[in-house]
Amino acid sequence: AAAADPKVGLAAVGALRRLLEQLEALQVDHARAQGWSWAEIACLLGVSKQAVHRKHAPRLRLIRG
């Protein structure tokens, strides 16, 4: 990430974003499986309940069928 070549740095940023998205999805899945509300999850993520629900609910519906 500290490389002088922006291509290297930007690739690192992209990789971190993908990792962050995977980690967030995993933790939201765990929280919902333990009965957490969307509001509780949103509070800890620093976003609105609507935003976290819009982002994760469709994926959870696919997983649980």
N, C-alpha and C. Protein backbone atom coordinates (compact mmCIF):
# COMPACT_ATOMS: atom_id res chain seq x y z
N ALA A 1 0.82 -1.20 0.00
CA ALA A 1 0.00 0.00 0.00
C ALA A 1 0.86 1.26 0.00
N ALA A 2 2.09 1.14 0.47
CA ALA A 2 2.98 2.30 0.51
C ALA A 2 3.83 2.42 -0.75
N ALA A 3 3.57 1.59 -1.73
CA ALA A 3 4.35 1.62 -2.96
C ALA A 3 4.15 2.94 -3.70
N ALA A 4 5.19 3.36 -4.39
CA ALA A 4 5.11 4.59 -5.17
C ALA A 4 4.22 4.44 -6.40
N ASP A 5 4.00 3.22 -6.84
CA ASP A 5 3.17 2.95 -8.02
C ASP A 5 1.70 2.94 -7.61
N PRO A 6 0.91 3.91 -8.12
CA PRO A 6 -0.51 3.96 -7.77
C PRO A 6 -1.26 2.67 -8.12
N LYS A 7 -0.81 1.97 -9.15
CA LYS A 7 -1.48 0.72 -9.52
C LYS A 7 -1.42 -0.29 -8.37
N VAL A 8 -0.27 -0.37 -7.71
CA VAL A 8 -0.10 -1.29 -6.59
C VAL A 8 -0.96 -0.84 -5.41
N GLY A 9 -0.91 0.45 -5.10
CA GLY A 9 -1.70 0.98 -3.99
C GLY A 9 -3.19 0.83 -4.20
N LEU A 10 -3.66 1.12 -5.39
CA LEU A 10 -5.09 1.01 -5.68
C LEU A 10 -5.54 -0.45 -5.66
N ALA A 11 -4.70 -1.35 -6.12
CA ALA A 11 -5.04 -2.77 -6.05
C ALA A 11 -5.18 -3.20 -4.60
N ALA A 12 -4.31 -2.68 -3.73
CA ALA A 12 -4.39 -3.00 -2.30
C ALA A 12 -5.69 -2.47 -1.70
N VAL A 13 -6.07 -1.26 -2.07
CA VAL A 13 -7.33 -0.69 -1.58
C VAL A 13 -8.51 -1.55 -2.03
N GLY A 14 -8.50 -1.97 -3.27
CA GLY A 14 -9.58 -2.82 -3.77
C GLY A 14 -9.66 -4.14 -3.02
N ALA A 15 -8.50 -4.74 -2.75
CA ALA A 15 -8.47 -6.00 -2.00
C ALA A 15 -9.01 -5.81 -0.59
N LEU A 16 -8.65 -4.70 0.04
CA LEU A 16 -9.15 -4.43 1.39
C LEU A 16 -10.66 -4.22 1.39
N ARG A 17 -11.18 -3.54 0.36
CA ARG A 17 -12.63 -3.34 0.27
C ARG A 17 -13.36 -4.67 0.15
N ARG A 18 -12.83 -5.56 -0.69
CA ARG A 18 -13.46 -6.88 -0.84
C ARG A 18 -13.42 -7.66 0.46
N LEU A 19 -12.31 -7.60 1.15
CA LEU A 19 -12.18 -8.29 2.43
C LEU A 19 -13.14 -7.71 3.46
N LEU A 20 -13.25 -6.39 3.51
CA LEU A 20 -14.17 -5.73 4.42
C LEU A 20 -15.61 -6.15 4.15
N GLU A 21 -16.01 -6.20 2.90
CA GLU A 21 -17.37 -6.61 2.54
C GLU A 21 -17.65 -8.05 2.99
N GLN A 22 -16.66 -8.93 2.80
CA GLN A 22 -16.82 -10.32 3.23
C GLN A 22 -16.94 -10.42 4.74
N LEU A 23 -16.11 -9.68 5.46
CA LEU A 23 -16.14 -9.69 6.92
C LEU A 23 -17.46 -9.14 7.44
N GLU A 24 -17.95 -8.05 6.86
CA GLU A 24 -19.22 -7.48 7.27
C GLU A 24 -20.35 -8.47 7.05
N ALA A 25 -20.39 -9.10 5.89
CA ALA A 25 -21.45 -10.07 5.59
C ALA A 25 -21.41 -11.23 6.59
N LEU A 26 -20.23 -11.73 6.88
CA LEU A 26 -20.10 -12.84 7.82
C LEU A 26 -20.61 -12.45 9.20
N GLN A 27 -20.24 -11.27 9.67
CA GLN A 27 -20.65 -10.84 11.00
C GLN A 27 -22.14 -10.51 11.07
N VAL A 28 -22.68 -9.95 10.02
CA VAL A 28 -24.13 -9.70 9.98
C VAL A 28 -24.87 -11.03 10.01
N ASP A 29 -24.38 -12.02 9.26
CA ASP A 29 -24.99 -13.35 9.28
C ASP A 29 -24.99 -13.92 10.69
N HIS A 30 -23.86 -13.82 11.37
CA HIS A 30 -23.76 -14.34 12.74
C HIS A 30 -24.73 -13.61 13.67
N ALA A 31 -24.76 -12.30 13.56
CA ALA A 31 -25.63 -11.51 14.43
C ALA A 31 -27.10 -11.87 14.20
N ARG A 32 -27.52 -11.95 12.96
CA ARG A 32 -28.91 -12.28 12.66
C ARG A 32 -29.24 -13.70 13.13
N ALA A 33 -28.31 -14.63 12.99
CA ALA A 33 -28.53 -16.01 13.43
C ALA A 33 -28.71 -16.06 14.95
N GLN A 34 -28.13 -15.11 15.66
CA GLN A 34 -28.25 -15.05 17.11
C GLN A 34 -29.42 -14.17 17.56
N GLY A 35 -30.22 -13.72 16.59
CA GLY A 35 -31.43 -12.97 16.93
C GLY A 35 -31.28 -11.47 17.06
N TRP A 36 -30.15 -10.94 16.63
CA TRP A 36 -29.96 -9.49 16.70
C TRP A 36 -30.92 -8.80 15.75
N SER A 37 -31.37 -7.62 16.13
CA SER A 37 -32.23 -6.82 15.26
C SER A 37 -31.37 -6.05 14.25
N TRP A 38 -32.03 -5.62 13.18
CA TRP A 38 -31.33 -4.80 12.19
C TRP A 38 -30.84 -3.51 12.85
N ALA A 39 -31.61 -2.97 13.78
CA ALA A 39 -31.23 -1.73 14.46
C ALA A 39 -29.96 -1.92 15.29
N GLU A 40 -29.83 -3.03 15.97
CA GLU A 40 -28.63 -3.31 16.77
C GLU A 40 -27.39 -3.41 15.87
N ILE A 41 -27.54 -4.12 14.77
CA ILE A 41 -26.43 -4.28 13.84
C ILE A 41 -26.05 -2.93 13.24
N ALA A 42 -27.05 -2.18 12.81
CA ALA A 42 -26.81 -0.88 12.19
C ALA A 42 -26.09 0.07 13.14
N CYS A 43 -26.47 0.05 14.40
CA CYS A 43 -25.85 0.93 15.39
C CYS A 43 -24.35 0.66 15.48
N LEU A 44 -23.98 -0.59 15.53
CA LEU A 44 -22.56 -0.94 15.64
C LEU A 44 -21.79 -0.67 14.35
N LEU A 45 -22.47 -0.73 13.22
CA LEU A 45 -21.81 -0.43 11.95
C LEU A 45 -21.79 1.07 11.63
N GLY A 46 -22.56 1.85 12.39
CA GLY A 46 -22.60 3.29 12.16
C GLY A 46 -23.39 3.69 10.94
N VAL A 47 -24.42 2.89 10.62
CA VAL A 47 -25.30 3.19 9.49
C VAL A 47 -26.75 3.11 9.95
N SER A 48 -27.67 3.44 9.08
CA SER A 48 -29.08 3.35 9.43
C SER A 48 -29.57 1.90 9.36
N LYS A 49 -30.64 1.63 10.08
CA LYS A 49 -31.26 0.31 10.04
C LYS A 49 -31.68 -0.03 8.62
N GLN A 50 -32.22 0.95 7.92
CA GLN A 50 -32.66 0.73 6.55
C GLN A 50 -31.49 0.38 5.63
N ALA A 51 -30.37 1.04 5.83
CA ALA A 51 -29.21 0.79 4.97
C ALA A 51 -28.68 -0.62 5.14
N VAL A 52 -28.55 -1.06 6.39
CA VAL A 52 -28.02 -2.41 6.62
C VAL A 52 -29.02 -3.47 6.16
N HIS A 53 -30.30 -3.22 6.35
CA HIS A 53 -31.32 -4.17 5.90
C HIS A 53 -31.32 -4.27 4.38
N ARG A 54 -31.28 -3.13 3.70
CA ARG A 54 -31.28 -3.10 2.23
C ARG A 54 -30.07 -3.85 1.68
N LYS A 55 -28.93 -3.72 2.35
CA LYS A 55 -27.71 -4.33 1.86
C LYS A 55 -27.67 -5.84 2.11
N HIS A 56 -28.14 -6.29 3.26
CA HIS A 56 -27.91 -7.68 3.65
C HIS A 56 -29.15 -8.59 3.61
N ALA A 57 -30.34 -8.04 3.74
CA ALA A 57 -31.54 -8.89 3.79
C ALA A 57 -31.73 -9.74 2.53
N PRO A 58 -31.54 -9.19 1.34
CA PRO A 58 -31.72 -10.05 0.15
C PRO A 58 -30.79 -11.26 0.13
N ARG A 59 -29.54 -11.06 0.55
CA ARG A 59 -28.59 -12.17 0.58
C ARG A 59 -28.99 -13.20 1.62
N LEU A 60 -29.46 -12.76 2.76
CA LEU A 60 -29.88 -13.68 3.82
C LEU A 60 -31.11 -14.49 3.40
N ARG A 61 -32.00 -13.84 2.65
CA ARG A 61 -33.19 -14.56 2.16
C ARG A 61 -32.77 -15.69 1.21
N LEU A 62 -31.76 -15.44 0.39
CA LEU A 62 -31.26 -16.47 -0.53
C LEU A 62 -30.62 -17.63 0.23
N ILE A 63 -29.90 -17.30 1.29
CA ILE A 63 -29.21 -18.32 2.07
C ILE A 63 -30.22 -19.21 2.81
N ARG A 64 -31.21 -18.59 3.40
CA ARG A 64 -32.16 -19.35 4.22
C ARG A 64 -33.31 -19.94 3.41
N GLY A 65 -33.46 -19.44 2.20
CA GLY A 65 -34.49 -19.97 1.31
C GLY A 65 -35.81 -19.52 1.68
